[in-house]
Protein backbone atom coordinates (compact mmCIF):
# COMPACT_ATOMS: atom_id res chain seq x y z
CA LEU A 1 152.15 -72.43 21.81
CA SER A 2 154.05 -70.76 24.64
CA PRO A 3 155.97 -67.66 23.61
CA CYS A 4 158.57 -68.42 26.29
CA GLU A 5 159.66 -71.46 24.28
CA TRP A 6 159.73 -69.63 20.94
CA SER A 7 161.62 -66.55 22.02
CA GLU A 8 164.86 -67.94 20.55
CA ALA A 9 163.47 -70.69 18.37
CA GLN A 10 165.25 -69.67 15.17
CA SER A 11 168.70 -69.48 16.76
CA GLU A 12 168.54 -72.71 18.75
CA GLY A 13 169.58 -75.99 17.15
CA ASN A 14 167.02 -78.06 19.08
CA ARG A 15 163.35 -77.18 19.32
CA PHE A 16 160.28 -78.95 20.62
CA SER A 17 159.00 -80.31 17.35
CA PHE A 18 156.52 -83.19 17.22
CA LEU A 19 159.24 -85.81 16.69
CA TYR A 20 161.39 -84.38 19.45
CA SER A 21 158.41 -84.39 21.79
CA LEU A 22 157.97 -88.12 21.12
CA TRP A 23 161.65 -88.69 21.89
CA TYR A 24 161.35 -86.61 25.06
CA THR A 25 158.37 -88.61 26.36
CA ALA A 26 160.08 -91.91 25.51
CA GLY A 27 163.15 -90.82 27.46
CA ALA A 28 160.97 -90.11 30.48
CA LEU A 29 159.54 -93.65 30.32
CA THR A 30 163.07 -95.08 30.54
CA LEU A 31 163.81 -92.79 33.51
CA GLN A 32 166.76 -91.34 31.59
CA GLY A 33 165.33 -88.04 30.41
CA ALA A 34 166.34 -85.99 27.41
CA GLY A 35 167.42 -82.40 26.90
CA PRO A 36 166.89 -79.57 26.44
CA HIS A 37 164.08 -79.23 28.96
CA PRO A 38 161.16 -76.82 28.61
CA LYS A 39 161.72 -73.23 29.68
CA ALA A 40 158.12 -72.09 29.95
CA LEU A 41 156.10 -72.74 33.08
CA SER A 42 153.36 -74.40 31.03
CA GLY A 43 155.82 -76.85 29.47
CA ARG A 44 157.31 -77.69 32.84
CA VAL A 45 153.88 -78.42 34.28
CA ILE A 46 153.12 -80.80 31.40
CA CYS A 47 156.52 -82.53 31.69
CA SER A 48 156.21 -82.86 35.47
CA SER A 49 152.81 -84.52 35.17
CA TRP A 50 154.19 -86.89 32.53
CA TRP A 51 157.21 -87.76 34.69
CA LEU A 52 154.94 -88.51 37.64
CA PHE A 53 152.71 -90.64 35.41
CA SER A 54 155.74 -92.55 34.05
CA VAL A 55 157.17 -93.30 37.50
CA VAL A 56 153.85 -94.55 38.89
CA LEU A 57 153.16 -96.58 35.75
CA LEU A 58 156.54 -98.33 35.94
CA ALA A 59 156.08 -98.94 39.68
CA CYS A 60 152.69 -100.59 39.04
CA TYR A 61 154.16 -102.71 36.26
CA PHE A 62 157.08 -104.03 38.30
CA SER A 63 154.97 -104.65 41.40
CA ASN A 64 152.47 -106.59 39.28
CA LEU A 65 155.30 -108.55 37.68
CA SER A 66 156.85 -109.48 41.02
CA SER A 67 153.50 -110.52 42.48
CA SER A 68 152.88 -112.84 39.52
CA LYS A 69 156.11 -114.70 40.32
CA THR A 70 155.24 -115.15 43.99
CA PRO A 71 154.45 -118.78 44.77
CA GLU A 72 150.84 -119.45 45.62
CA SER A 73 151.78 -121.12 48.89
CA SER A 74 153.54 -117.97 50.11
CA GLN A 75 150.27 -116.06 49.76
CA LEU A 76 148.49 -118.24 52.30
CA THR A 77 147.20 -116.48 55.38
CA VAL A 78 147.98 -119.59 57.48
CA LYS A 79 151.58 -120.77 57.20
CA GLY A 80 151.81 -123.02 60.24
CA PHE A 81 150.09 -124.39 63.33
CA GLU A 82 150.83 -121.25 65.33
CA ASP A 83 149.00 -119.11 62.77
CA LEU A 84 146.15 -121.61 62.78
CA ALA A 85 145.79 -121.51 66.56
CA SER A 86 145.89 -117.70 66.75
CA GLN A 87 142.91 -117.07 64.44
CA ASP A 88 139.21 -117.86 64.52
CA THR A 89 138.24 -117.23 60.90
CA ILE A 90 139.29 -120.57 59.43
CA GLN A 91 137.86 -123.68 61.06
CA TYR A 92 140.12 -126.71 61.43
CA SER A 93 139.92 -130.26 62.65
CA CYS A 94 141.27 -133.75 62.06
CA LEU A 95 140.04 -137.32 61.74
CA ALA A 96 138.07 -138.52 64.76
CA GLY A 97 139.88 -141.20 66.78
CA SER A 98 143.06 -140.89 64.68
CA SER A 99 146.69 -140.83 65.77
CA THR A 100 146.77 -137.16 64.79
CA LEU A 101 144.11 -136.36 67.38
CA ALA A 102 145.99 -138.41 69.99
CA PHE A 103 149.18 -136.46 69.23
CA PHE A 104 147.53 -133.10 69.93
CA LYS A 105 145.73 -134.48 72.97
CA ASN A 106 148.91 -135.81 74.63
CA SER A 107 151.18 -132.93 73.60
CA ASN A 108 152.62 -130.52 76.21
CA ASN A 109 153.20 -127.79 73.63
CA PRO A 110 150.85 -124.86 74.44
CA VAL A 111 150.15 -124.20 70.76
CA TYR A 112 149.17 -127.81 70.12
CA ARG A 113 147.10 -127.85 73.29
CA ARG A 114 145.15 -124.82 72.10
CA ILE A 115 144.51 -126.56 68.79
CA TYR A 116 143.22 -129.65 70.59
CA GLU A 117 141.00 -127.61 72.92
CA HIS A 118 139.55 -125.74 69.96
CA MET A 119 138.75 -128.99 68.13
CA GLU A 120 137.15 -130.44 71.27
CA ARG A 121 135.12 -127.29 71.83
CA THR A 122 133.81 -127.06 68.27
CA GLN A 123 133.45 -130.83 67.77
CA SER A 124 134.20 -130.39 64.07
CA PHE A 125 135.88 -133.78 63.62
CA VAL A 126 135.50 -135.59 60.31
CA SER A 127 134.67 -139.24 60.03
CA SER A 128 136.85 -140.02 57.01
CA MET A 129 139.67 -138.69 54.90
CA ASP A 130 137.31 -138.02 52.00
CA GLU A 131 135.09 -135.89 54.22
CA GLY A 132 138.06 -133.81 55.36
CA VAL A 133 139.20 -133.25 51.77
CA LYS A 134 135.65 -132.31 50.74
CA ARG A 135 135.30 -129.74 53.52
CA ALA A 136 138.71 -128.27 52.68
CA LYS A 137 137.67 -127.91 49.03
CA GLU A 138 134.51 -126.07 50.08
CA GLY A 139 136.66 -123.40 51.72
CA ASN A 140 137.17 -121.81 55.14
CA PHE A 141 138.34 -125.11 56.58
CA ALA A 142 141.78 -126.61 57.19
CA PHE A 143 142.11 -130.37 57.47
CA ILE A 144 144.90 -131.63 59.75
CA GLY A 145 146.24 -135.06 58.90
CA GLU A 146 149.28 -137.15 58.02
CA SER A 147 151.58 -135.43 55.57
CA VAL A 148 151.73 -138.45 53.25
CA SER A 149 147.95 -138.65 52.96
CA LEU A 150 147.68 -134.89 52.51
CA ASP A 151 150.33 -134.91 49.78
CA LEU A 152 148.28 -137.52 47.93
CA ALA A 153 145.11 -135.41 48.34
CA VAL A 154 146.87 -132.27 47.07
CA ALA A 155 148.20 -134.21 44.07
CA ARG A 156 144.67 -135.30 43.15
CA HIS A 157 142.81 -132.07 43.94
CA CYS A 158 144.39 -129.03 42.32
CA GLU A 159 142.47 -126.49 44.40
CA LEU A 160 144.14 -127.69 47.62
CA VAL A 161 147.54 -126.78 49.00
CA ARG A 162 149.47 -128.21 51.94
CA VAL A 163 151.31 -126.08 54.47
CA HIS A 164 154.97 -127.03 54.57
CA GLU A 165 155.21 -127.30 58.37
CA VAL A 166 155.32 -130.92 59.56
CA ILE A 167 155.20 -131.97 63.21
CA GLY A 168 155.43 -135.36 64.90
CA MET A 169 157.26 -136.98 61.99
CA ARG A 170 157.04 -140.76 62.12
CA GLY A 171 158.39 -143.48 59.92
CA TYR A 172 156.44 -146.37 58.42
CA SER A 173 157.44 -149.98 59.14
CA ILE A 174 156.38 -153.52 58.39
CA ALA A 175 155.34 -155.55 61.43
CA ALA A 176 156.32 -159.19 61.82
CA PRO A 177 156.26 -161.74 64.69
CA LEU A 178 159.08 -161.39 67.20
CA GLY A 179 162.11 -163.42 66.06
CA SER A 180 160.68 -164.02 62.60
CA PRO A 181 163.36 -165.01 60.01
CA ILE A 182 161.82 -162.70 57.37
CA ILE A 183 162.69 -159.52 59.30
CA LYS A 184 166.28 -159.49 58.07
CA ASN A 185 165.29 -160.26 54.50
CA LEU A 186 162.66 -157.51 54.52
CA SER A 187 165.13 -154.96 55.94
CA VAL A 188 167.76 -155.83 53.35
CA ALA A 189 165.21 -155.66 50.52
CA ILE A 190 163.94 -152.26 51.66
CA LEU A 191 167.49 -150.91 51.86
CA GLN A 192 168.27 -152.20 48.38
CA LEU A 193 165.12 -150.62 46.96
CA SER A 194 165.94 -147.32 48.67
CA GLU A 195 169.56 -147.26 47.47
CA ALA A 196 168.52 -148.17 43.93
CA GLY A 197 166.03 -145.28 43.86
CA GLU A 198 163.09 -147.61 43.40
CA LEU A 199 161.18 -146.22 46.39
CA ALA A 200 161.64 -142.66 45.13
CA TYR A 201 160.41 -143.77 41.70
CA LEU A 202 157.32 -145.42 43.18
CA ARG A 203 156.54 -142.33 45.23
CA SER A 204 156.87 -140.06 42.20
CA LYS A 205 154.70 -142.48 40.23
CA TRP A 206 151.81 -142.85 42.66
CA TRP A 207 152.05 -139.45 44.37
CA ALA A 208 152.60 -137.56 41.12
CA SER A 209 150.36 -134.53 40.78
CA SER A 210 147.65 -134.73 38.15
CA CYS A 211 147.41 -130.93 38.07
CA ILE A 212 148.76 -129.11 35.05
CA ALA A 213 151.15 -126.48 36.31
CA ASP A 214 150.06 -123.08 35.11
CA LYS A 215 152.81 -120.84 33.87
CA ALA A 216 153.49 -117.72 35.87
CA LYS A 217 151.15 -115.39 34.05
CA PRO A 218 151.11 -111.82 35.29
CA ALA A 219 147.62 -110.78 36.18
CA ALA A 220 146.35 -107.83 34.21
CA VAL A 221 146.18 -104.58 36.12
CA GLN A 222 142.56 -103.54 36.41
CA PRO A 223 141.75 -100.23 34.69
CA HIS A 224 139.97 -98.82 37.74
CA ARG A 225 143.23 -99.05 39.69
CA LEU A 226 144.97 -96.77 37.21
CA LYS A 227 142.30 -94.10 36.92
CA GLY A 228 144.09 -91.93 39.47
CA MET A 229 147.25 -91.93 37.35
CA PHE A 230 145.38 -90.92 34.21
CA LEU A 231 143.46 -88.29 36.15
CA VAL A 232 146.72 -86.68 37.30
CA LEU A 233 148.08 -86.84 33.75
CA ALA A 234 144.93 -85.30 32.28
CA LEU A 235 144.94 -82.51 34.87
CA GLY A 236 148.61 -81.77 34.17
CA LEU A 237 148.08 -81.71 30.41
CA GLY A 238 144.99 -79.55 30.70
CA LEU A 239 146.61 -77.11 33.13
CA GLY A 240 149.75 -76.83 31.00
CA THR A 241 147.76 -76.25 27.81
CA CYS A 242 145.63 -73.58 29.47
CA MET A 243 148.73 -71.83 30.81
CA ALA A 244 150.32 -71.93 27.34
CA PHE A 245 147.22 -70.30 25.81
CA LEU A 246 147.20 -67.67 28.57
CA GLU A 247 150.86 -66.87 27.95
CA LEU A 248 150.22 -66.58 24.23
CA THR A 249 147.12 -64.45 24.84
CA PHE A 250 149.00 -62.01 27.06
CA LYS A 251 151.71 -61.63 24.44
CA SER A 252 149.10 -61.14 21.71
CA ARG A 253 147.39 -58.41 23.73
CA ARG A 254 150.66 -56.55 24.16
CA LYS A 255 151.42 -56.85 20.44
CA ALA A 256 147.90 -55.78 19.55
CA ALA A 257 148.28 -52.66 21.69
CA GLU A 258 151.63 -51.85 20.07
CA GLN A 259 150.47 -52.47 16.48
CA GLN A 260 146.97 -51.08 17.09
CA LYS A 261 145.28 -54.26 15.88
CA SER A 262 142.54 -56.38 17.35
CA CYS A 263 143.62 -59.01 19.84
CA CYS A 264 141.84 -61.78 17.91
CA THR A 265 143.75 -60.94 14.73
CA VAL A 266 147.12 -61.01 16.45
CA LEU A 267 146.23 -64.21 18.30
CA THR A 268 145.25 -65.90 15.05
CA GLU A 269 148.53 -64.84 13.46
CA GLU A 270 150.51 -66.17 16.43
CA LEU A 271 148.70 -69.52 16.33
CA SER A 272 149.18 -69.78 12.58
CA LEU A 273 152.88 -69.02 13.00
CA ARG A 274 153.44 -71.60 15.72
CA LEU A 275 151.43 -74.35 14.09
CA LYS A 276 153.23 -73.66 10.79
CA THR A 277 150.04 -73.45 8.78
CA SER A 278 151.44 -70.69 6.56
CA SER A 279 155.04 -70.15 5.50
CA ALA A 280 154.27 -66.53 4.62
CA ASN A 281 154.20 -65.58 8.29
CA LYS A 282 157.86 -66.46 8.93
CA PRO A 283 159.23 -63.05 7.82
CA GLN A 284 156.68 -61.41 10.10
CA GLU A 285 157.95 -63.51 13.03
CA ASN A 286 161.54 -62.41 12.38
CA ALA A 287 160.43 -58.77 12.29
CA ASP A 288 158.57 -59.22 15.56
CA LYS A 289 161.66 -60.73 17.18
CA GLU A 290 163.82 -57.78 16.05
CA LYS A 291 161.33 -55.40 17.64
CA ALA A 292 161.34 -57.40 20.84
């Protein structure tokens, strides 16, 4: 439409045909570009809006793709006991009268002391493991307990997740009377089971998660988040098209004054020539170029 693009259209090897326009827009999506570039101001406005749209669209795509591969545990707002103690939104507690409560009560660590004081102040202790798991499933509550028991709860309840930080690690043992002859046999048997991988097999068997792991599926970008991009693109296309019509109108008015014709007649001829609706107008275009 713009006369600035068609001033040397017959002598140039490349022109902005429909197929070349498709190639040009595809090159912008790959961030490589393609030449020649538009000469007219209207064409540059349209291309600039398309380039901006392409860059923002690719940025949204890659950010959405990277967020879909982020582990769910890394998106937790609470990643450790220090984060838990420094917030008041999520309630937390442990089993009443348990060794976990005794650990926080007797600890000299200021973070653990704050956790214990908060639990004592709110009196939000649970009476059983099942109650703690139930409150955690309801939301806005963090249950503090032994890592082994919590791993078993997470394996059975897919909507739960355990924070990786572990404090006060203790081992489990088998108690026997002092000087009992079975202590040595038990120790040797446990070592043999551990070296043979039997203990690891039993743990994977009984602590195995019953949750079906969902594949990393990128979440669809909501349309309302992209409306700004399409608005910018629509404004650029509309502004560029209007500028192209204005450029063509100004040229038609000058030609109409020179040829003493009506502006509408000359404008119709120019549109017909550029849209290639009539092959009979091509000689007239060459004559107009010679006059120019």
